[in-house]
């Protein structure tokens, strides 16, 4: 997930990461995960999902 504005906490529910504008987060999405804006600013971000061939 790439963050364009604000501060985002996202990732696995048991260990989410934090990223601000210009940063990114990466995790395996086959586990429970969360998304939350931190602070008063709105978060704008882009989420890319990659599905490997099996």
PDB file of N, CA and C in Angstrom:
ATOM      1  N   UNK A   1       0.842  -1.147   0.000  1.00  0.00           N
ATOM      2  CA  UNK A   1       0.000   0.000   0.000  1.00  0.00           C
ATOM      3  C   UNK A   1       0.894   1.217   0.000  1.00  0.00           C
ATOM      4  N   UNK A   2       0.678   2.134  -0.952  1.00  0.00           N
ATOM      5  CA  UNK A   2       1.437   3.371  -1.046  1.00  0.00           C
ATOM      6  C   UNK A   2       0.598   4.515  -0.501  1.00  0.00           C
ATOM      7  N   UNK A   3       1.167   5.300   0.385  1.00  0.00           N
ATOM      8  CA  UNK A   3       0.450   6.405   1.020  1.00  0.00           C
ATOM      9  C   UNK A   3       0.826   7.715   0.325  1.00  0.00           C
ATOM     10  N   UNK A   4      -0.187   8.455  -0.098  1.00  0.00           N
ATOM     11  CA  UNK A   4       0.019   9.729  -0.788  1.00  0.00           C
ATOM     12  C   UNK A   4      -0.167  10.928   0.140  1.00  0.00           C
ATOM     13  N   UNK A   5      -1.036  10.789   1.142  1.00  0.00           N
ATOM     14  CA  UNK A   5      -1.223  11.864   2.111  1.00  0.00           C
ATOM     15  C   UNK A   5      -1.713  11.271   3.425  1.00  0.00           C
ATOM     16  N   UNK A   6      -1.426  11.977   4.514  1.00  0.00           N
ATOM     17  CA  UNK A   6      -1.830  11.520   5.835  1.00  0.00           C
ATOM     18  C   UNK A   6      -0.887  10.460   6.384  1.00  0.00           C
ATOM     19  N   UNK A   7      -1.319   9.846   7.473  1.00  0.00           N
ATOM     20  CA  UNK A   7      -0.544   8.774   8.116  1.00  0.00           C
ATOM     21  C   UNK A   7      -1.465   7.580   8.275  1.00  0.00           C
ATOM     22  N   UNK A   8      -1.016   6.432   7.813  1.00  0.00           N
ATOM     23  CA  UNK A   8      -1.818   5.211   7.781  1.00  0.00           C
ATOM     24  C   UNK A   8      -1.194   4.140   8.655  1.00  0.00           C
ATOM     25  N   UNK A   9      -2.037   3.438   9.399  1.00  0.00           N
ATOM     26  CA  UNK A   9      -1.629   2.212  10.079  1.00  0.00           C
ATOM     27  C   UNK A   9      -2.397   1.091   9.395  1.00  0.00           C
ATOM     28  N   UNK A  10      -1.673   0.107   8.874  1.00  0.00           N
ATOM     29  CA  UNK A  10      -2.315  -0.994   8.154  1.00  0.00           C
ATOM     30  C   UNK A  10      -1.414  -2.214   8.172  1.00  0.00           C
ATOM     31  N   UNK A  11      -2.019  -3.353   7.880  1.00  0.00           N
ATOM     32  CA  UNK A  11      -1.261  -4.599   7.799  1.00  0.00           C
ATOM     33  C   UNK A  11      -1.920  -5.677   8.637  1.00  0.00           C
ATOM     34  N   UNK A  12      -1.165  -6.723   8.958  1.00  0.00           N
ATOM     35  CA  UNK A  12      -1.717  -7.820   9.744  1.00  0.00           C
ATOM     36  C   UNK A  12      -2.288  -7.301  11.067  1.00  0.00           C
ATOM     37  N   UNK A  13      -3.441  -7.815  11.448  1.00  0.00           N
ATOM     38  CA  UNK A  13      -4.114  -7.344  12.660  1.00  0.00           C
ATOM     39  C   UNK A  13      -3.226  -7.453  13.899  1.00  0.00           C
ATOM     40  N   UNK A  14      -2.351  -8.454  13.942  1.00  0.00           N
ATOM     41  CA  UNK A  14      -1.507  -8.632  15.124  1.00  0.00           C
ATOM     42  C   UNK A  14      -0.201  -7.835  15.070  1.00  0.00           C
ATOM     43  N   UNK A  15       0.097  -7.196  13.919  1.00  0.00           N
ATOM     44  CA  UNK A  15       1.349  -6.427  13.818  1.00  0.00           C
ATOM     45  C   UNK A  15       1.272  -5.409  12.679  1.00  0.00           C
ATOM     46  N   UNK A  16       0.330  -4.458  12.744  1.00  0.00           N
ATOM     47  CA  UNK A  16       0.235  -3.473  11.653  1.00  0.00           C
ATOM     48  C   UNK A  16       1.432  -2.538  11.642  1.00  0.00           C
ATOM     49  N   UNK A  17       1.718  -2.002  10.462  1.00  0.00           N
ATOM     50  CA  UNK A  17       2.794  -1.028  10.324  1.00  0.00           C
ATOM     51  C   UNK A  17       2.222   0.365  10.146  1.00  0.00           C
ATOM     52  N   UNK A  18       3.089   1.355  10.144  1.00  0.00           N
ATOM     53  CA  UNK A  18       2.679   2.749   9.971  1.00  0.00           C
ATOM     54  C   UNK A  18       3.473   3.352   8.825  1.00  0.00           C
ATOM     55  N   UNK A  19       2.784   4.114   7.966  1.00  0.00           N
ATOM     56  CA  UNK A  19       3.452   4.811   6.863  1.00  0.00           C
ATOM     57  C   UNK A  19       2.823   6.179   6.684  1.00  0.00           C
ATOM     58  N   UNK A  20       3.666   7.161   6.382  1.00  0.00           N
ATOM     59  CA  UNK A  20       3.215   8.527   6.092  1.00  0.00           C
ATOM     60  C   UNK A  20       3.336   8.765   4.589  1.00  0.00           C
ATOM     61  N   UNK A  21       2.921   9.945   4.156  1.00  0.00           N
ATOM     62  CA  UNK A  21       2.969  10.304   2.743  1.00  0.00           C
ATOM     63  C   UNK A  21       4.353  10.012   2.167  1.00  0.00           C
ATOM     64  N   UNK A  22       4.367   9.320   1.031  1.00  0.00           N
ATOM     65  CA  UNK A  22       5.614   8.940   0.383  1.00  0.00           C
ATOM     66  C   UNK A  22       6.113   7.571   0.799  1.00  0.00           C
ATOM     67  N   UNK A  23       5.499   6.977   1.812  1.00  0.00           N
ATOM     68  CA  UNK A  23       5.916   5.662   2.294  1.00  0.00           C
ATOM     69  C   UNK A  23       5.019   4.560   1.781  1.00  0.00           C
ATOM     70  N   UNK A  24       5.380   3.349   2.126  1.00  0.00           N
ATOM     71  CA  UNK A  24       4.554   2.209   1.723  1.00  0.00           C
ATOM     72  C   UNK A  24       4.613   1.112   2.776  1.00  0.00           C
ATOM     73  N   UNK A  25       3.634   0.220   2.705  1.00  0.00           N
ATOM     74  CA  UNK A  25       3.560  -0.952   3.578  1.00  0.00           C
ATOM     75  C   UNK A  25       3.343  -2.175   2.705  1.00  0.00           C
ATOM     76  N   UNK A  26       3.815  -3.311   3.187  1.00  0.00           N
ATOM     77  CA  UNK A  26       3.662  -4.552   2.443  1.00  0.00           C
ATOM     78  C   UNK A  26       3.389  -5.677   3.434  1.00  0.00           C
ATOM     79  N   UNK A  27       2.427  -6.554   3.103  1.00  0.00           N
ATOM     80  CA  UNK A  27       2.129  -7.694   3.951  1.00  0.00           C
ATOM     81  C   UNK A  27       1.403  -8.751   3.130  1.00  0.00           C
ATOM     82  N   UNK A  28       1.367  -9.950   3.661  1.00  0.00           N
ATOM     83  CA  UNK A  28       0.620 -11.040   3.041  1.00  0.00           C
ATOM     84  C   UNK A  28      -0.839 -10.876   3.431  1.00  0.00           C
ATOM     85  N   UNK A  29      -1.702 -10.783   2.442  1.00  0.00           N
ATOM     86  CA  UNK A  29      -3.098 -10.430   2.734  1.00  0.00           C
ATOM     87  C   UNK A  29      -3.990 -11.633   3.044  1.00  0.00           C
ATOM     88  N   UNK A  30      -3.407 -12.824   3.182  1.00  0.00           N
ATOM     89  CA  UNK A  30      -4.236 -13.987   3.501  1.00  0.00           C
ATOM     90  C   UNK A  30      -4.381 -14.196   5.011  1.00  0.00           C
ATOM     91  N   UNK A  31      -4.119 -13.137   5.770  1.00  0.00           N
ATOM     92  CA  UNK A  31      -4.333 -13.143   7.220  1.00  0.00           C
ATOM     93  C   UNK A  31      -5.251 -11.965   7.553  1.00  0.00           C
ATOM     94  N   UNK A  32      -5.937 -11.985   8.695  1.00  0.00           N
ATOM     95  CA  UNK A  32      -6.756 -10.831   9.063  1.00  0.00           C
ATOM     96  C   UNK A  32      -5.895  -9.564   9.085  1.00  0.00           C
ATOM     97  N   UNK A  33      -6.405  -8.491   8.470  1.00  0.00           N
ATOM     98  CA  UNK A  33      -5.648  -7.249   8.431  1.00  0.00           C
ATOM     99  C   UNK A  33      -6.549  -6.045   8.682  1.00  0.00           C
ATOM    100  N   UNK A  34      -5.910  -4.911   8.984  1.00  0.00           N
ATOM    101  CA  UNK A  34      -6.628  -3.705   9.396  1.00  0.00           C
ATOM    102  C   UNK A  34      -6.125  -2.494   8.615  1.00  0.00           C
ATOM    103  N   UNK A  35      -6.956  -1.445   8.589  1.00  0.00           N
ATOM    104  CA  UNK A  35      -6.604  -0.159   8.002  1.00  0.00           C
ATOM    105  C   UNK A  35      -7.134   0.934   8.928  1.00  0.00           C
ATOM    106  N   UNK A  36      -6.316   1.932   9.249  1.00  0.00           N
ATOM    107  CA  UNK A  36      -6.771   3.035  10.096  1.00  0.00           C
ATOM    108  C   UNK A  36      -5.972   4.294   9.789  1.00  0.00           C
ATOM    109  N   UNK A  37      -6.678   5.420   9.692  1.00  0.00           N
ATOM    110  CA  UNK A  37      -6.012   6.720   9.559  1.00  0.00           C
ATOM    111  C   UNK A  37      -5.575   7.161  10.948  1.00  0.00           C
ATOM    112  N   UNK A  38      -4.346   7.645  11.061  1.00  0.00           N
ATOM    113  CA  UNK A  38      -3.847   8.155  12.333  1.00  0.00           C
ATOM    114  C   UNK A  38      -3.846   9.679  12.285  1.00  0.00           C
ATOM    115  N   UNK A  39      -4.203  10.296  13.372  1.00  0.00           N
ATOM    116  CA  UNK A  39      -4.223  11.755  13.420  1.00  0.00           C
ATOM    117  C   UNK A  39      -5.499  12.321  12.838  1.00  0.00           C
ATOM    118  N   UNK A  40      -5.488  13.621  12.586  1.00  0.00           N
ATOM    119  CA  UNK A  40      -6.681  14.325  12.111  1.00  0.00           C
ATOM    120  C   UNK A  40      -6.786  14.405  10.593  1.00  0.00           C
ATOM    121  N   UNK A  41      -5.706  14.107   9.883  1.00  0.00           N
ATOM    122  CA  UNK A  41      -5.707  14.247   8.427  1.00  0.00           C
ATOM    123  C   UNK A  41      -6.299  13.027   7.735  1.00  0.00           C
ATOM    124  N   UNK A  42      -6.995  13.274   6.637  1.00  0.00           N
ATOM    125  CA  UNK A  42      -7.507  12.200   5.793  1.00  0.00           C
ATOM    126  C   UNK A  42      -6.334  11.496   5.129  1.00  0.00           C
ATOM    127  N   UNK A  43      -6.467  10.203   4.942  1.00  0.00           N
ATOM    128  CA  UNK A  43      -5.425   9.416   4.275  1.00  0.00           C
ATOM    129  C   UNK A  43      -5.857   9.133   2.839  1.00  0.00           C
ATOM    130  N   UNK A  44      -4.935   9.334   1.913  1.00  0.00           N
ATOM    131  CA  UNK A  44      -5.121   8.928   0.530  1.00  0.00           C
ATOM    132  C   UNK A  44      -4.037   7.907   0.231  1.00  0.00           C
ATOM    133  N   UNK A  45      -4.446   6.732  -0.253  1.00  0.00           N
ATOM    134  CA  UNK A  45      -3.490   5.658  -0.489  1.00  0.00           C
ATOM    135  C   UNK A  45      -3.974   4.780  -1.640  1.00  0.00           C
ATOM    136  N   UNK A  46      -3.072   3.986  -2.163  1.00  0.00           N
ATOM    137  CA  UNK A  46      -3.393   3.056  -3.231  1.00  0.00           C
ATOM    138  C   UNK A  46      -2.968   1.659  -2.791  1.00  0.00           C
ATOM    139  N   UNK A  47      -3.875   0.704  -2.970  1.00  0.00           N
ATOM    140  CA  UNK A  47      -3.609  -0.677  -2.577  1.00  0.00           C
ATOM    141  C   UNK A  47      -3.471  -1.514  -3.829  1.00  0.00           C
ATOM    142  N   UNK A  48      -2.359  -2.230  -3.949  1.00  0.00           N
ATOM    143  CA  UNK A  48      -2.112  -3.120  -5.073  1.00  0.00           C
ATOM    144  C   UNK A  48      -2.144  -4.549  -4.556  1.00  0.00           C
ATOM    145  N   UNK A  49      -2.980  -5.388  -5.152  1.00  0.00           N
ATOM    146  CA  UNK A  49      -3.031  -6.800  -4.778  1.00  0.00           C
ATOM    147  C   UNK A  49      -2.376  -7.610  -5.878  1.00  0.00           C
ATOM    148  N   UNK A  50      -1.491  -8.495  -5.490  1.00  0.00           N
ATOM    149  CA  UNK A  50      -0.805  -9.366  -6.440  1.00  0.00           C
ATOM    150  C   UNK A  50      -1.180 -10.807  -6.132  1.00  0.00           C
ATOM    151  N   UNK A  51      -1.658 -11.526  -7.143  1.00  0.00           N
ATOM    152  CA  UNK A  51      -2.040 -12.911  -6.999  1.00  0.00           C
ATOM    153  C   UNK A  51      -1.087 -13.765  -7.824  1.00  0.00           C
ATOM    154  N   UNK A  52      -0.162 -14.460  -7.186  1.00  0.00           N
ATOM    155  CA  UNK A  52       0.777 -15.290  -7.946  1.00  0.00           C
ATOM    156  C   UNK A  52       0.075 -16.472  -8.603  1.00  0.00           C
ATOM    157  N   UNK A  53       0.591 -16.871  -9.728  1.00  0.00           N
ATOM    158  CA  UNK A  53       0.044 -18.071 -10.381  1.00  0.00           C
ATOM    159  C   UNK A  53       0.420 -19.295  -9.567  1.00  0.00           C
ATOM    160  N   UNK A  54      -0.464 -20.250  -9.565  1.00  0.00           N
ATOM    161  CA  UNK A  54      -0.185 -21.485  -8.826  1.00  0.00           C
ATOM    162  C   UNK A  54      -0.213 -22.654  -9.743  1.00  0.00           C
TER     163      UNK A  54
END
